[in-house]
Amino acid sequence: MKKKILVFMIVMAIVALAGWNVSQSRSEEGLSDVALENVEALAEGEATITCSNPNSNPYGGQCYEMDTTSCGGSWCGCRFSGYQSDFCYYG
C-alpha cells in the first residue's frame, strides 16, 4: 500500500512539473520592447531602391544587368533587369 502511494505521489509530481513547464513556455514573449526599439533604430535611414523606370539611366547602374543578347554573346552594354540585386555600368 505504501508503495502505491509513493508511486502515485511521484506521478503527480511529474504531472505538476510538466503543467508548470507548459504554462511558463506559453507566457514567454518573443522580443522585449528594448530589443524591438534597437531593431527599429538600426533600420532607420535605410533607403529602398525602386526599379520602376528603365529609362532613368542610359549607362546602367543598379537594377541593370549586362546585355549580351544583342551583340552575339559578347558584352555590349547594360539592359534594365528590374532586380535590385543587379548592377551594371557601361560608359
N, C-alpha and C. Protein backbone atom coordinates (compact mmCIF):
# COMPACT_ATOMS: atom_id res chain seq x y z
N MET A 1 0.81 -1.20 0.00
CA MET A 1 0.00 0.00 0.00
C MET A 1 0.85 1.26 0.00
N LYS A 2 1.95 1.25 0.79
CA LYS A 2 2.84 2.41 0.84
C LYS A 2 3.53 2.62 -0.51
N LYS A 3 3.82 1.53 -1.19
CA LYS A 3 4.49 1.61 -2.49
C LYS A 3 3.56 2.27 -3.53
N LYS A 4 2.27 1.94 -3.49
CA LYS A 4 1.31 2.54 -4.43
C LYS A 4 1.16 4.04 -4.17
N ILE A 5 1.15 4.43 -2.91
CA ILE A 5 1.05 5.85 -2.56
C ILE A 5 2.29 6.59 -3.02
N LEU A 6 3.46 6.01 -2.84
CA LEU A 6 4.71 6.63 -3.27
C LEU A 6 4.75 6.80 -4.80
N VAL A 7 4.36 5.77 -5.53
CA VAL A 7 4.32 5.85 -6.99
C VAL A 7 3.30 6.91 -7.43
N PHE A 8 2.14 6.94 -6.77
CA PHE A 8 1.13 7.95 -7.10
C PHE A 8 1.67 9.36 -6.87
N MET A 9 2.38 9.58 -5.77
CA MET A 9 2.94 10.91 -5.45
C MET A 9 4.01 11.31 -6.48
N ILE A 10 4.82 10.37 -6.93
CA ILE A 10 5.86 10.66 -7.93
C ILE A 10 5.21 11.01 -9.27
N VAL A 11 4.18 10.26 -9.65
CA VAL A 11 3.48 10.55 -10.91
C VAL A 11 2.82 11.92 -10.84
N MET A 12 2.21 12.25 -9.70
CA MET A 12 1.56 13.56 -9.55
C MET A 12 2.58 14.69 -9.61
N ALA A 13 3.76 14.48 -9.04
CA ALA A 13 4.82 15.49 -9.09
C ALA A 13 5.29 15.72 -10.52
N ILE A 14 5.43 14.64 -11.29
CA ILE A 14 5.85 14.77 -12.70
C ILE A 14 4.79 15.50 -13.51
N VAL A 15 3.53 15.18 -13.28
CA VAL A 15 2.43 15.85 -13.99
C VAL A 15 2.40 17.33 -13.62
N ALA A 16 2.60 17.67 -12.35
CA ALA A 16 2.60 19.06 -11.92
C ALA A 16 3.76 19.83 -12.56
N LEU A 17 4.94 19.22 -12.60
CA LEU A 17 6.09 19.88 -13.23
C LEU A 17 5.87 20.08 -14.73
N ALA A 18 5.29 19.10 -15.39
CA ALA A 18 5.02 19.24 -16.83
C ALA A 18 4.01 20.35 -17.08
N GLY A 19 2.97 20.43 -16.25
CA GLY A 19 1.99 21.50 -16.40
C GLY A 19 2.59 22.87 -16.15
N TRP A 20 3.46 22.99 -15.15
CA TRP A 20 4.12 24.26 -14.87
C TRP A 20 5.03 24.67 -16.04
N ASN A 21 5.73 23.69 -16.62
CA ASN A 21 6.63 23.97 -17.74
C ASN A 21 5.84 24.48 -18.95
N VAL A 22 4.71 23.88 -19.24
CA VAL A 22 3.87 24.32 -20.35
C VAL A 22 3.36 25.73 -20.10
N SER A 23 2.96 25.99 -18.87
CA SER A 23 2.48 27.33 -18.51
C SER A 23 3.57 28.38 -18.69
N GLN A 24 4.78 28.07 -18.30
CA GLN A 24 5.89 29.02 -18.44
C GLN A 24 6.25 29.25 -19.90
N SER A 25 6.21 28.22 -20.72
CA SER A 25 6.60 28.39 -22.12
C SER A 25 5.57 29.21 -22.89
N ARG A 26 4.32 29.17 -22.49
CA ARG A 26 3.30 29.96 -23.18
C ARG A 26 3.35 31.42 -22.79
N SER A 27 3.90 31.75 -21.64
CA SER A 27 3.90 33.13 -21.18
C SER A 27 5.14 33.90 -21.64
N GLU A 28 6.10 33.26 -22.30
CA GLU A 28 7.30 33.95 -22.76
C GLU A 28 6.99 34.81 -23.98
N GLU A 29 7.61 35.98 -24.02
CA GLU A 29 7.45 36.88 -25.17
C GLU A 29 8.60 36.66 -26.13
N GLY A 30 8.40 37.07 -27.40
CA GLY A 30 9.44 36.90 -28.40
C GLY A 30 10.61 37.83 -28.18
N LEU A 31 10.41 39.12 -28.32
CA LEU A 31 11.45 40.12 -28.13
C LEU A 31 10.95 41.17 -27.14
N SER A 32 11.85 41.67 -26.34
CA SER A 32 11.47 42.71 -25.40
C SER A 32 11.28 44.03 -26.14
N ASP A 33 10.70 45.01 -25.46
CA ASP A 33 10.50 46.32 -26.06
C ASP A 33 11.82 46.99 -26.41
N VAL A 34 12.83 46.80 -25.58
CA VAL A 34 14.15 47.39 -25.84
C VAL A 34 14.75 46.79 -27.10
N ALA A 35 14.62 45.47 -27.28
CA ALA A 35 15.17 44.81 -28.47
C ALA A 35 14.45 45.30 -29.73
N LEU A 36 13.13 45.47 -29.65
CA LEU A 36 12.40 45.98 -30.81
C LEU A 36 12.79 47.41 -31.15
N GLU A 37 13.02 48.24 -30.13
CA GLU A 37 13.48 49.61 -30.39
C GLU A 37 14.85 49.61 -31.03
N ASN A 38 15.72 48.70 -30.62
CA ASN A 38 17.05 48.61 -31.23
C ASN A 38 16.96 48.21 -32.70
N VAL A 39 16.10 47.29 -33.01
CA VAL A 39 15.92 46.87 -34.41
C VAL A 39 15.41 48.04 -35.24
N GLU A 40 14.45 48.78 -34.72
CA GLU A 40 13.91 49.94 -35.44
C GLU A 40 14.98 51.01 -35.62
N ALA A 41 15.81 51.22 -34.60
CA ALA A 41 16.86 52.23 -34.71
C ALA A 41 17.90 51.84 -35.75
N LEU A 42 18.21 50.56 -35.81
CA LEU A 42 19.18 50.11 -36.82
C LEU A 42 18.62 50.22 -38.24
N ALA A 43 17.33 49.99 -38.38
CA ALA A 43 16.71 50.03 -39.71
C ALA A 43 16.41 51.45 -40.17
N GLU A 44 16.44 52.41 -39.27
CA GLU A 44 16.11 53.79 -39.64
C GLU A 44 17.15 54.35 -40.61
N GLY A 45 16.68 54.97 -41.62
CA GLY A 45 17.57 55.59 -42.59
C GLY A 45 17.96 54.69 -43.73
N GLU A 46 17.55 53.45 -43.73
CA GLU A 46 17.86 52.58 -44.85
C GLU A 46 16.98 52.94 -46.03
N ALA A 47 17.60 53.18 -47.14
CA ALA A 47 16.85 53.57 -48.33
C ALA A 47 16.47 52.34 -49.15
N THR A 48 15.34 52.40 -49.74
CA THR A 48 14.94 51.35 -50.66
C THR A 48 15.05 51.89 -52.07
N ILE A 49 15.48 51.07 -52.97
CA ILE A 49 15.65 51.46 -54.36
C ILE A 49 14.56 50.79 -55.17
N THR A 50 13.84 51.58 -55.90
CA THR A 50 12.81 51.01 -56.76
C THR A 50 13.36 50.90 -58.18
N CYS A 51 12.94 49.90 -58.85
CA CYS A 51 13.40 49.65 -60.21
C CYS A 51 12.23 49.83 -61.17
N SER A 52 11.59 50.98 -61.12
CA SER A 52 10.38 51.15 -61.91
C SER A 52 10.60 51.93 -63.20
N ASN A 53 11.73 52.61 -63.37
CA ASN A 53 11.95 53.44 -64.56
C ASN A 53 13.14 52.92 -65.35
N PRO A 54 12.93 52.12 -66.38
CA PRO A 54 14.06 51.55 -67.11
C PRO A 54 14.82 52.57 -67.95
N ASN A 55 14.29 53.74 -68.17
CA ASN A 55 14.97 54.74 -68.99
C ASN A 55 15.63 55.83 -68.16
N SER A 56 15.77 55.63 -66.85
CA SER A 56 16.29 56.69 -65.99
C SER A 56 17.80 56.88 -66.15
N ASN A 57 18.55 55.87 -66.54
CA ASN A 57 20.00 55.99 -66.67
C ASN A 57 20.46 55.19 -67.89
N PRO A 58 20.89 55.86 -68.95
CA PRO A 58 21.31 55.12 -70.15
C PRO A 58 22.60 54.34 -69.98
N TYR A 59 23.38 54.63 -68.93
CA TYR A 59 24.65 53.94 -68.72
C TYR A 59 24.54 52.78 -67.73
N GLY A 60 23.34 52.50 -67.24
CA GLY A 60 23.16 51.39 -66.32
C GLY A 60 23.15 51.85 -64.89
N GLY A 61 23.63 50.98 -64.00
CA GLY A 61 23.61 51.23 -62.57
C GLY A 61 22.90 50.09 -61.88
N GLN A 62 22.36 50.38 -60.71
CA GLN A 62 21.62 49.34 -60.01
C GLN A 62 20.33 49.06 -60.76
N CYS A 63 19.89 47.84 -60.75
CA CYS A 63 18.70 47.34 -61.44
C CYS A 63 18.97 47.07 -62.93
N TYR A 64 20.21 47.08 -63.32
CA TYR A 64 20.59 46.77 -64.69
C TYR A 64 21.51 45.56 -64.69
N GLU A 65 21.49 44.80 -65.79
CA GLU A 65 22.37 43.65 -65.94
C GLU A 65 23.13 43.78 -67.26
N MET A 66 24.21 42.99 -67.40
CA MET A 66 24.99 43.04 -68.63
C MET A 66 24.17 42.50 -69.78
N ASP A 67 24.20 43.20 -70.90
CA ASP A 67 23.45 42.81 -72.09
C ASP A 67 24.38 42.07 -73.04
N THR A 68 24.14 40.80 -73.21
CA THR A 68 24.94 40.00 -74.15
C THR A 68 24.07 39.43 -75.26
N THR A 69 22.77 39.71 -75.24
CA THR A 69 21.88 39.11 -76.24
C THR A 69 21.92 39.86 -77.56
N SER A 70 22.12 41.16 -77.53
CA SER A 70 22.07 41.93 -78.78
C SER A 70 23.41 42.06 -79.46
N CYS A 71 24.49 41.47 -78.92
CA CYS A 71 25.81 41.59 -79.52
C CYS A 71 26.44 40.24 -79.84
N GLY A 72 25.63 39.23 -80.00
CA GLY A 72 26.15 37.93 -80.39
C GLY A 72 26.94 37.22 -79.29
N GLY A 73 26.60 37.43 -78.04
CA GLY A 73 27.27 36.74 -76.95
C GLY A 73 28.34 37.54 -76.25
N SER A 74 28.81 38.65 -76.83
CA SER A 74 29.79 39.48 -76.14
C SER A 74 29.07 40.64 -75.46
N TRP A 75 29.72 41.20 -74.46
CA TRP A 75 29.10 42.27 -73.67
C TRP A 75 29.15 43.58 -74.44
N CYS A 76 27.98 44.20 -74.61
CA CYS A 76 27.94 45.45 -75.36
C CYS A 76 27.18 46.55 -74.64
N GLY A 77 26.84 46.36 -73.39
CA GLY A 77 26.13 47.40 -72.66
C GLY A 77 25.32 46.81 -71.53
N CYS A 78 24.42 47.61 -71.02
CA CYS A 78 23.57 47.21 -69.91
C CYS A 78 22.11 47.26 -70.34
N ARG A 79 21.32 46.39 -69.77
CA ARG A 79 19.88 46.43 -70.01
C ARG A 79 19.16 46.36 -68.68
N PHE A 80 17.99 46.95 -68.64
CA PHE A 80 17.21 47.01 -67.41
C PHE A 80 16.73 45.61 -67.04
N SER A 81 16.99 45.21 -65.79
CA SER A 81 16.56 43.89 -65.32
C SER A 81 15.37 43.99 -64.36
N GLY A 82 15.29 45.08 -63.62
CA GLY A 82 14.23 45.24 -62.65
C GLY A 82 14.54 44.65 -61.29
N TYR A 83 15.71 44.03 -61.12
CA TYR A 83 16.09 43.43 -59.83
C TYR A 83 17.09 44.33 -59.12
N GLN A 84 16.82 44.61 -57.85
CA GLN A 84 17.68 45.49 -57.07
C GLN A 84 19.07 44.89 -56.87
N SER A 85 19.21 43.59 -56.95
CA SER A 85 20.49 42.95 -56.72
C SER A 85 21.41 43.05 -57.95
N ASP A 86 20.89 43.41 -59.10
CA ASP A 86 21.73 43.53 -60.31
C ASP A 86 22.39 44.90 -60.38
N PHE A 87 23.61 44.92 -60.92
CA PHE A 87 24.33 46.18 -61.10
C PHE A 87 25.20 46.06 -62.35
N CYS A 88 25.12 47.05 -63.20
CA CYS A 88 25.93 47.07 -64.42
C CYS A 88 26.21 48.53 -64.76
N TYR A 89 27.43 48.83 -65.19
CA TYR A 89 27.75 50.19 -65.61
C TYR A 89 28.50 50.11 -66.94
N TYR A 90 28.00 50.85 -67.90
CA TYR A 90 28.60 50.86 -69.22
C TYR A 90 28.74 52.31 -69.65
N GLY A 91 29.93 52.74 -69.80
CA GLY A 91 30.05 54.14 -70.21
C GLY A 91 31.41 54.59 -70.51
